[in-house]
PDB file of all heavy atoms in Angstrom:
ATOM      1  N   ALA A   1      -1.031  10.042  11.503  1.00  0.00           N
ATOM      2  CA  ALA A   1      -0.132   9.217  10.734  1.00  0.00           C
ATOM      3  C   ALA A   1      -0.106   9.684   9.255  1.00  0.00           C
ATOM      4  O   ALA A   1       0.768   9.276   8.493  1.00  0.00           O
ATOM      5  CB  ALA A   1      -0.583   7.763  10.699  1.00  0.00           C
ATOM      6  N   ASP A   2      -1.022  10.535   8.768  1.00  0.00           N
ATOM      7  CA  ASP A   2      -1.022  10.965   7.414  1.00  0.00           C
ATOM      8  C   ASP A   2       0.097  11.968   7.274  1.00  0.00           C
ATOM      9  O   ASP A   2       0.454  12.829   8.058  1.00  0.00           O
ATOM     10  CB  ASP A   2      -2.299  11.754   7.102  1.00  0.00           C
ATOM     11  CG  ASP A   2      -3.555  10.810   7.170  1.00  0.00           C
ATOM     12  OD1 ASP A   2      -3.315   9.574   7.002  1.00  0.00           O
ATOM     13  OD2 ASP A   2      -4.684  11.234   7.358  1.00  0.00           O
ATOM     14  N   PRO A   3       0.874  11.743   6.065  1.00  0.00           N
ATOM     15  CA  PRO A   3       1.948  12.695   5.731  1.00  0.00           C
ATOM     16  C   PRO A   3       1.347  14.052   5.484  1.00  0.00           C
ATOM     17  O   PRO A   3       0.214  14.297   5.064  1.00  0.00           O
ATOM     18  CB  PRO A   3       2.531  12.093   4.471  1.00  0.00           C
ATOM     19  CG  PRO A   3       1.511  11.269   3.846  1.00  0.00           C
ATOM     20  CD  PRO A   3       0.668  10.775   4.989  1.00  0.00           C
ATOM     21  N   ALA A   4       2.165  15.036   5.636  1.00  0.00           N
ATOM     22  CA  ALA A   4       1.747  16.389   5.553  1.00  0.00           C
ATOM     23  C   ALA A   4       1.445  16.753   4.011  1.00  0.00           C
ATOM     24  O   ALA A   4       0.501  17.553   3.862  1.00  0.00           O
ATOM     25  CB  ALA A   4       2.874  17.352   6.047  1.00  0.00           C
ATOM     26  N   ASN A   5       2.087  16.189   3.117  1.00  0.00           N
ATOM     27  CA  ASN A   5       1.875  16.468   1.644  1.00  0.00           C
ATOM     28  C   ASN A   5       0.974  15.475   0.931  1.00  0.00           C
ATOM     29  O   ASN A   5       0.812  15.508  -0.254  1.00  0.00           O
ATOM     30  CB  ASN A   5       3.215  16.574   0.940  1.00  0.00           C
ATOM     31  CG  ASN A   5       4.011  15.271   1.023  1.00  0.00           C
ATOM     32  OD1 ASN A   5       3.580  14.379   1.647  1.00  0.00           O
ATOM     33  ND2 ASN A   5       5.246  15.273   0.454  1.00  0.00           N
ATOM     34  N   GLY A   6       0.439  14.490   1.713  1.00  0.00           N
ATOM     35  CA  GLY A   6      -0.451  13.474   1.140  1.00  0.00           C
ATOM     36  C   GLY A   6       0.227  12.315   0.511  1.00  0.00           C
ATOM     37  O   GLY A   6      -0.358  11.322   0.034  1.00  0.00           O
ATOM     38  N   GLU A   7       1.583  12.359   0.359  1.00  0.00           N
ATOM     39  CA  GLU A   7       2.376  11.190  -0.201  1.00  0.00           C
ATOM     40  C   GLU A   7       2.636  10.225   0.903  1.00  0.00           C
ATOM     41  O   GLU A   7       2.867  10.573   2.064  1.00  0.00           O
ATOM     42  CB  GLU A   7       3.675  11.742  -0.772  1.00  0.00           C
ATOM     43  CG  GLU A   7       3.522  12.667  -2.004  1.00  0.00           C
ATOM     44  CD  GLU A   7       2.945  11.917  -3.120  1.00  0.00           C
ATOM     45  OE1 GLU A   7       3.264  10.680  -3.273  1.00  0.00           O
ATOM     46  OE2 GLU A   7       2.260  12.486  -3.991  1.00  0.00           O
ATOM     47  N   PRO A   8       2.630   8.926   0.510  1.00  0.00           N
ATOM     48  CA  PRO A   8       3.000   7.894   1.504  1.00  0.00           C
ATOM     49  C   PRO A   8       4.447   7.949   1.970  1.00  0.00           C
ATOM     50  O   PRO A   8       5.246   8.374   1.143  1.00  0.00           O
ATOM     51  CB  PRO A   8       2.632   6.555   0.797  1.00  0.00           C
ATOM     52  CG  PRO A   8       2.795   6.848  -0.642  1.00  0.00           C
ATOM     53  CD  PRO A   8       2.462   8.335  -0.809  1.00  0.00           C
ATOM     54  N   PRO A   9       4.750   7.470   3.109  1.00  0.00           N
ATOM     55  CA  PRO A   9       6.146   7.413   3.476  1.00  0.00           C
ATOM     56  C   PRO A   9       6.907   6.356   2.716  1.00  0.00           C
ATOM     57  O   PRO A   9       6.362   5.532   2.072  1.00  0.00           O
ATOM     58  CB  PRO A   9       6.097   7.022   5.011  1.00  0.00           C
ATOM     59  CG  PRO A   9       4.827   6.243   5.137  1.00  0.00           C
ATOM     60  CD  PRO A   9       3.898   6.876   4.191  1.00  0.00           C
ATOM     61  N   PRO A  10       8.288   6.413   2.723  1.00  0.00           N
ATOM     62  CA  PRO A  10       9.061   5.376   2.049  1.00  0.00           C
ATOM     63  C   PRO A  10       8.799   3.996   2.619  1.00  0.00           C
ATOM     64  O   PRO A  10       8.976   3.787   3.786  1.00  0.00           O
ATOM     65  CB  PRO A  10      10.531   5.801   2.263  1.00  0.00           C
ATOM     66  CG  PRO A  10      10.440   7.273   2.630  1.00  0.00           C
ATOM     67  CD  PRO A  10       9.144   7.481   3.385  1.00  0.00           C
ATOM     68  N   LEU A  11       8.186   3.078   1.800  1.00  0.00           N
ATOM     69  CA  LEU A  11       7.785   1.839   2.209  1.00  0.00           C
ATOM     70  C   LEU A  11       8.281   0.704   1.205  1.00  0.00           C
ATOM     71  O   LEU A  11       8.433   1.021  -0.016  1.00  0.00           O
ATOM     72  CB  LEU A  11       6.311   1.616   2.427  1.00  0.00           C
ATOM     73  CG  LEU A  11       5.638   2.482   3.422  1.00  0.00           C
ATOM     74  CD1 LEU A  11       4.154   2.426   3.324  1.00  0.00           C
ATOM     75  CD2 LEU A  11       6.098   2.268   4.819  1.00  0.00           C
ATOM     76  N   ARG A  12       8.512  -0.453   1.712  1.00  0.00           N
ATOM     77  CA  ARG A  12       8.885  -1.715   0.808  1.00  0.00           C
ATOM     78  C   ARG A  12       8.069  -2.793   1.275  1.00  0.00           C
ATOM     79  O   ARG A  12       7.995  -3.171   2.463  1.00  0.00           O
ATOM     80  CB  ARG A  12      10.332  -2.003   0.787  1.00  0.00           C
ATOM     81  CG  ARG A  12      11.197  -0.791   0.275  1.00  0.00           C
ATOM     82  CD  ARG A  12      12.692  -1.230   0.330  1.00  0.00           C
ATOM     83  NE  ARG A  12      12.946  -2.296  -0.610  1.00  0.00           N
ATOM     84  CZ  ARG A  12      13.200  -2.128  -1.942  1.00  0.00           C
ATOM     85  NH1 ARG A  12      13.224  -0.920  -2.456  1.00  0.00           N
ATOM     86  NH2 ARG A  12      13.416  -3.139  -2.687  1.00  0.00           N
ATOM     87  N   GLY A  13       7.418  -3.573   0.377  1.00  0.00           N
ATOM     88  CA  GLY A  13       6.654  -4.763   0.661  1.00  0.00           C
ATOM     89  C   GLY A  13       6.702  -5.719  -0.521  1.00  0.00           C
ATOM     90  O   GLY A  13       7.569  -5.674  -1.335  1.00  0.00           O
ATOM     91  N   ARG A  14       5.672  -6.579  -0.492  1.00  0.00           N
ATOM     92  CA  ARG A  14       5.650  -7.577  -1.635  1.00  0.00           C
ATOM     93  C   ARG A  14       4.155  -7.847  -2.028  1.00  0.00           C
ATOM     94  O   ARG A  14       3.257  -7.586  -1.159  1.00  0.00           O
ATOM     95  CB  ARG A  14       6.363  -8.859  -1.231  1.00  0.00           C
ATOM     96  CG  ARG A  14       5.770  -9.607  -0.156  1.00  0.00           C
ATOM     97  CD  ARG A  14       6.610 -10.813   0.280  1.00  0.00           C
ATOM     98  NE  ARG A  14       5.950 -11.600   1.304  1.00  0.00           N
ATOM     99  CZ  ARG A  14       5.136 -12.610   1.161  1.00  0.00           C
ATOM    100  NH1 ARG A  14       4.769 -12.949  -0.151  1.00  0.00           N
ATOM    101  NH2 ARG A  14       4.642 -13.279   2.144  1.00  0.00           N
ATOM    102  N   ILE A  15       3.964  -8.456  -3.113  1.00  0.00           N
ATOM    103  CA  ILE A  15       2.638  -8.838  -3.554  1.00  0.00           C
ATOM    104  C   ILE A  15       2.287 -10.193  -2.991  1.00  0.00           C
ATOM    105  O   ILE A  15       3.045 -11.167  -3.120  1.00  0.00           O
ATOM    106  CB  ILE A  15       2.597  -8.911  -5.135  1.00  0.00           C
ATOM    107  CG1 ILE A  15       2.795  -7.463  -5.740  1.00  0.00           C
ATOM    108  CG2 ILE A  15       1.228  -9.436  -5.592  1.00  0.00           C
ATOM    109  CD1 ILE A  15       2.833  -7.411  -7.228  1.00  0.00           C
ATOM    110  N   LEU A  16       1.146 -10.203  -2.277  1.00  0.00           N
ATOM    111  CA  LEU A  16       0.766 -11.479  -1.611  1.00  0.00           C
ATOM    112  C   LEU A  16      -0.111 -12.363  -2.566  1.00  0.00           C
ATOM    113  O   LEU A  16       0.025 -13.569  -2.569  1.00  0.00           O
ATOM    114  CB  LEU A  16      -0.104 -11.180  -0.411  1.00  0.00           C
ATOM    115  CG  LEU A  16       0.692 -10.341   0.688  1.00  0.00           C
ATOM    116  CD1 LEU A  16      -0.355  -9.987   1.821  1.00  0.00           C
ATOM    117  CD2 LEU A  16       1.808 -11.081   1.235  1.00  0.00           C
ATOM    118  N   ALA A  17      -0.978 -11.755  -3.377  1.00  0.00           N
ATOM    119  CA  ALA A  17      -1.848 -12.481  -4.264  1.00  0.00           C
ATOM    120  C   ALA A  17      -2.286 -11.556  -5.311  1.00  0.00           C
ATOM    121  O   ALA A  17      -2.149 -10.250  -5.292  1.00  0.00           O
ATOM    122  CB  ALA A  17      -2.913 -13.163  -3.518  1.00  0.00           C
ATOM    123  N   MET A  18      -2.864 -12.130  -6.454  1.00  0.00           N
ATOM    124  CA  MET A  18      -3.466 -11.368  -7.516  1.00  0.00           C
ATOM    125  C   MET A  18      -4.570 -12.136  -8.141  1.00  0.00           C
ATOM    126  O   MET A  18      -4.671 -13.360  -8.060  1.00  0.00           O
ATOM    127  CB  MET A  18      -2.379 -10.967  -8.502  1.00  0.00           C
ATOM    128  CG  MET A  18      -1.623 -12.102  -9.172  1.00  0.00           C
ATOM    129  SD  MET A  18      -0.334 -11.523 -10.244  1.00  0.00           S
ATOM    130  CE  MET A  18      -1.171 -10.388 -11.294  1.00  0.00           C
ATOM    131  N   ASP A  19      -5.503 -11.382  -8.915  1.00  0.00           N
ATOM    132  CA  ASP A  19      -6.604 -12.125  -9.555  1.00  0.00           C
ATOM    133  C   ASP A  19      -6.495 -11.786 -11.017  1.00  0.00           C
ATOM    134  O   ASP A  19      -5.645 -11.094 -11.501  1.00  0.00           O
ATOM    135  CB  ASP A  19      -7.945 -11.664  -8.981  1.00  0.00           C
ATOM    136  CG  ASP A  19      -8.228 -10.183  -9.070  1.00  0.00           C
ATOM    137  OD1 ASP A  19      -7.459  -9.513  -9.880  1.00  0.00           O
ATOM    138  OD2 ASP A  19      -9.035  -9.635  -8.382  1.00  0.00           O
ATOM    139  N   LYS A  20      -7.545 -12.317 -11.733  1.00  0.00           N
ATOM    140  CA  LYS A  20      -7.493 -12.229 -13.212  1.00  0.00           C
ATOM    141  C   LYS A  20      -7.842 -10.787 -13.663  1.00  0.00           C
ATOM    142  O   LYS A  20      -7.732 -10.515 -14.870  1.00  0.00           O
ATOM    143  CB  LYS A  20      -8.457 -13.217 -13.845  1.00  0.00           C
ATOM    144  CG  LYS A  20      -9.857 -13.073 -13.348  1.00  0.00           C
ATOM    145  CD  LYS A  20     -10.758 -14.235 -13.901  1.00  0.00           C
ATOM    146  CE  LYS A  20     -12.219 -14.029 -13.494  1.00  0.00           C
ATOM    147  NZ  LYS A  20     -13.042 -15.094 -14.050  1.00  0.00           N
ATOM    148  N   ASP A  21      -8.395  -9.881 -12.787  1.00  0.00           N
ATOM    149  CA  ASP A  21      -8.765  -8.586 -13.132  1.00  0.00           C
ATOM    150  C   ASP A  21      -7.698  -7.511 -12.859  1.00  0.00           C
ATOM    151  O   ASP A  21      -7.939  -6.335 -12.762  1.00  0.00           O
ATOM    152  CB  ASP A  21     -10.100  -8.231 -12.366  1.00  0.00           C
ATOM    153  CG  ASP A  21     -11.187  -9.029 -12.714  1.00  0.00           C
ATOM    154  OD1 ASP A  21     -11.325  -9.462 -13.879  1.00  0.00           O
ATOM    155  OD2 ASP A  21     -12.030  -9.315 -11.799  1.00  0.00           O
ATOM    156  N   ASP A  22      -6.440  -7.995 -12.786  1.00  0.00           N
ATOM    157  CA  ASP A  22      -5.274  -7.134 -12.575  1.00  0.00           C
ATOM    158  C   ASP A  22      -5.347  -6.495 -11.250  1.00  0.00           C
ATOM    159  O   ASP A  22      -4.769  -5.408 -11.050  1.00  0.00           O
ATOM    160  CB  ASP A  22      -5.132  -6.172 -13.739  1.00  0.00           C
ATOM    161  CG  ASP A  22      -4.588  -6.792 -15.009  1.00  0.00           C
ATOM    162  OD1 ASP A  22      -4.044  -7.907 -14.837  1.00  0.00           O
ATOM    163  OD2 ASP A  22      -4.653  -6.136 -16.064  1.00  0.00           O
ATOM    164  N   ARG A  23      -6.013  -7.038 -10.258  1.00  0.00           N
ATOM    165  CA  ARG A  23      -6.039  -6.597  -8.918  1.00  0.00           C
ATOM    166  C   ARG A  23      -5.015  -7.385  -8.060  1.00  0.00           C
ATOM    167  O   ARG A  23      -4.995  -8.644  -8.177  1.00  0.00           O
ATOM    168  CB  ARG A  23      -7.404  -6.570  -8.310  1.00  0.00           C
ATOM    169  CG  ARG A  23      -8.319  -5.544  -8.888  1.00  0.00           C
ATOM    170  CD  ARG A  23      -9.637  -5.536  -8.267  1.00  0.00           C
ATOM    171  NE  ARG A  23     -10.338  -6.791  -8.288  1.00  0.00           N
ATOM    172  CZ  ARG A  23     -11.521  -7.046  -7.835  1.00  0.00           C
ATOM    173  NH1 ARG A  23     -12.246  -6.089  -7.154  1.00  0.00           N
ATOM    174  NH2 ARG A  23     -12.082  -8.225  -7.938  1.00  0.00           N
ATOM    175  N   VAL A  24      -4.270  -6.725  -7.170  1.00  0.00           N
ATOM    176  CA  VAL A  24      -3.248  -7.464  -6.350  1.00  0.00           C
ATOM    177  C   VAL A  24      -3.467  -7.040  -4.939  1.00  0.00           C
ATOM    178  O   VAL A  24      -3.906  -5.997  -4.614  1.00  0.00           O
ATOM    179  CB  VAL A  24      -1.833  -7.100  -6.876  1.00  0.00           C
ATOM    180  CG1 VAL A  24      -1.639  -7.560  -8.271  1.00  0.00           C
ATOM    181  CG2 VAL A  24      -1.564  -5.661  -6.702  1.00  0.00           C
ATOM    182  N   GLU A  25      -3.024  -7.980  -4.090  1.00  0.00           N
ATOM    183  CA  GLU A  25      -3.094  -7.764  -2.645  1.00  0.00           C
ATOM    184  C   GLU A  25      -1.614  -7.658  -2.178  1.00  0.00           C
ATOM    185  O   GLU A  25      -0.745  -8.394  -2.523  1.00  0.00           O
ATOM    186  CB  GLU A  25      -3.756  -8.863  -1.870  1.00  0.00           C
ATOM    187  CG  GLU A  25      -3.786  -8.639  -0.372  1.00  0.00           C
ATOM    188  CD  GLU A  25      -4.371  -9.867   0.399  1.00  0.00           C
ATOM    189  OE1 GLU A  25      -4.834 -10.783  -0.305  1.00  0.00           O
ATOM    190  OE2 GLU A  25      -4.429  -9.798   1.602  1.00  0.00           O
ATOM    191  N   ILE A  26      -1.237  -6.517  -1.467  1.00  0.00           N
ATOM    192  CA  ILE A  26       0.135  -6.300  -1.021  1.00  0.00           C
ATOM    193  C   ILE A  26       0.206  -6.486   0.431  1.00  0.00           C
ATOM    194  O   ILE A  26      -0.784  -6.384   1.178  1.00  0.00           O
ATOM    195  CB  ILE A  26       0.664  -4.986  -1.570  1.00  0.00           C
ATOM    196  CG1 ILE A  26      -0.176  -3.811  -0.901  1.00  0.00           C
ATOM    197  CG2 ILE A  26       0.620  -4.913  -3.067  1.00  0.00           C
ATOM    198  CD1 ILE A  26       0.411  -2.487  -1.306  1.00  0.00           C
ATOM    199  N   SER A  27       1.471  -6.481   0.956  1.00  0.00           N
ATOM    200  CA  SER A  27       1.787  -6.680   2.395  1.00  0.00           C
ATOM    201  C   SER A  27       1.794  -5.372   3.191  1.00  0.00           C
ATOM    202  O   SER A  27       2.220  -5.352   4.368  1.00  0.00           O
ATOM    203  CB  SER A  27       2.978  -7.451   2.606  1.00  0.00           C
ATOM    204  OG  SER A  27       4.083  -6.700   2.050  1.00  0.00           O
ATOM    205  N   LEU A  28       1.424  -4.241   2.607  1.00  0.00           N
ATOM    206  CA  LEU A  28       1.481  -2.943   3.290  1.00  0.00           C
ATOM    207  C   LEU A  28      -0.047  -2.491   3.429  1.00  0.00           C
ATOM    208  O   LEU A  28      -0.861  -2.846   2.655  1.00  0.00           O
ATOM    209  CB  LEU A  28       2.161  -1.920   2.438  1.00  0.00           C
ATOM    210  CG  LEU A  28       3.670  -2.306   2.198  1.00  0.00           C
ATOM    211  CD1 LEU A  28       4.309  -1.296   1.254  1.00  0.00           C
ATOM    212  CD2 LEU A  28       4.497  -2.344   3.428  1.00  0.00           C
ATOM    213  N   GLY A  29      -0.301  -1.636   4.473  1.00  0.00           N
ATOM    214  CA  GLY A  29      -1.666  -1.263   4.782  1.00  0.00           C
ATOM    215  C   GLY A  29      -1.652   0.193   5.375  1.00  0.00           C
ATOM    216  O   GLY A  29      -0.717   0.890   5.349  1.00  0.00           O
ATOM    217  N   SER A  30      -2.862   0.464   5.851  1.00  0.00           N
ATOM    218  CA  SER A  30      -3.064   1.897   6.423  1.00  0.00           C
ATOM    219  C   SER A  30      -2.196   2.128   7.620  1.00  0.00           C
ATOM    220  O   SER A  30      -1.815   3.246   7.900  1.00  0.00           O
ATOM    221  CB  SER A  30      -4.575   2.008   6.706  1.00  0.00           C
ATOM    222  OG  SER A  30      -5.017   1.084   7.708  1.00  0.00           O
ATOM    223  N   ASP A  31      -1.958   1.030   8.437  1.00  0.00           N
ATOM    224  CA  ASP A  31      -1.028   1.193   9.598  1.00  0.00           C
ATOM    225  C   ASP A  31       0.369   1.627   9.078  1.00  0.00           C
ATOM    226  O   ASP A  31       1.156   2.156   9.916  1.00  0.00           O
ATOM    227  CB  ASP A  31      -0.967  -0.114  10.404  1.00  0.00           C
ATOM    228  CG  ASP A  31      -2.256  -0.289  11.199  1.00  0.00           C
ATOM    229  OD1 ASP A  31      -3.100   0.592  11.178  1.00  0.00           O
ATOM    230  OD2 ASP A  31      -2.397  -1.384  11.791  1.00  0.00           O
ATOM    231  N   ASP A  32       0.686   1.300   7.896  1.00  0.00           N
ATOM    232  CA  ASP A  32       2.041   1.613   7.330  1.00  0.00           C
ATOM    233  C   ASP A  32       1.994   3.009   6.739  1.00  0.00           C
ATOM    234  O   ASP A  32       3.073   3.557   6.314  1.00  0.00           O
ATOM    235  CB  ASP A  32       2.511   0.688   6.324  1.00  0.00           C
ATOM    236  CG  ASP A  32       2.616  -0.753   6.905  1.00  0.00           C
ATOM    237  OD1 ASP A  32       3.338  -0.922   7.880  1.00  0.00           O
ATOM    238  OD2 ASP A  32       1.990  -1.698   6.374  1.00  0.00           O
ATOM    239  N   GLY A  33       0.793   3.677   6.604  1.00  0.00           N
ATOM    240  CA  GLY A  33       0.737   5.004   6.058  1.00  0.00           C
ATOM    241  C   GLY A  33       0.168   5.073   4.612  1.00  0.00           C
ATOM    242  O   GLY A  33       0.130   6.169   4.071  1.00  0.00           O
ATOM    243  N   LEU A  34      -0.312   3.941   4.105  1.00  0.00           N
ATOM    244  CA  LEU A  34      -0.881   3.906   2.829  1.00  0.00           C
ATOM    245  C   LEU A  34      -2.358   4.459   2.867  1.00  0.00           C
ATOM    246  O   LEU A  34      -3.096   4.145   3.845  1.00  0.00           O
ATOM    247  CB  LEU A  34      -0.889   2.489   2.248  1.00  0.00           C
ATOM    248  CG  LEU A  34       0.429   1.954   1.652  1.00  0.00           C
ATOM    249  CD1 LEU A  34       0.177   0.619   1.056  1.00  0.00           C
ATOM    250  CD2 LEU A  34       0.979   2.970   0.605  1.00  0.00           C
ATOM    251  N   ARG A  35      -2.776   5.127   1.851  1.00  0.00           N
ATOM    252  CA  ARG A  35      -4.098   5.642   1.695  1.00  0.00           C
ATOM    253  C   ARG A  35      -4.613   5.366   0.305  1.00  0.00           C
ATOM    254  O   ARG A  35      -3.865   5.143  -0.614  1.00  0.00           O
ATOM    255  CB  ARG A  35      -4.126   7.197   1.966  1.00  0.00           C
ATOM    256  CG  ARG A  35      -3.782   7.605   3.396  1.00  0.00           C
ATOM    257  CD  ARG A  35      -4.772   7.004   4.437  1.00  0.00           C
ATOM    258  NE  ARG A  35      -4.396   7.455   5.806  1.00  0.00           N
ATOM    259  CZ  ARG A  35      -3.671   6.732   6.603  1.00  0.00           C
ATOM    260  NH1 ARG A  35      -3.186   5.540   6.222  1.00  0.00           N
ATOM    261  NH2 ARG A  35      -3.356   7.116   7.849  1.00  0.00           N
ATOM    262  N   GLU A  36      -5.945   5.288   0.201  1.00  0.00           N
ATOM    263  CA  GLU A  36      -6.538   5.128  -1.131  1.00  0.00           C
ATOM    264  C   GLU A  36      -6.024   6.197  -2.172  1.00  0.00           C
ATOM    265  O   GLU A  36      -5.988   7.362  -1.806  1.00  0.00           O
ATOM    266  CB  GLU A  36      -8.121   5.125  -1.086  1.00  0.00           C
ATOM    267  CG  GLU A  36      -8.654   4.072  -0.228  1.00  0.00           C
ATOM    268  CD  GLU A  36     -10.139   4.093  -0.189  1.00  0.00           C
ATOM    269  OE1 GLU A  36     -10.742   4.982  -0.948  1.00  0.00           O
ATOM    270  OE2 GLU A  36     -10.795   3.284   0.602  1.00  0.00           O
TER     271      GLU A  36
END
């Protein structure tokens, strides 16, 4: 599932939640092709 050039595929999602440390949880994950 990893792209050949290391870039994630074209994806669109939304922010599910966020905390006071500027960290957010989004609706996309590794099954969608996202990597750290």
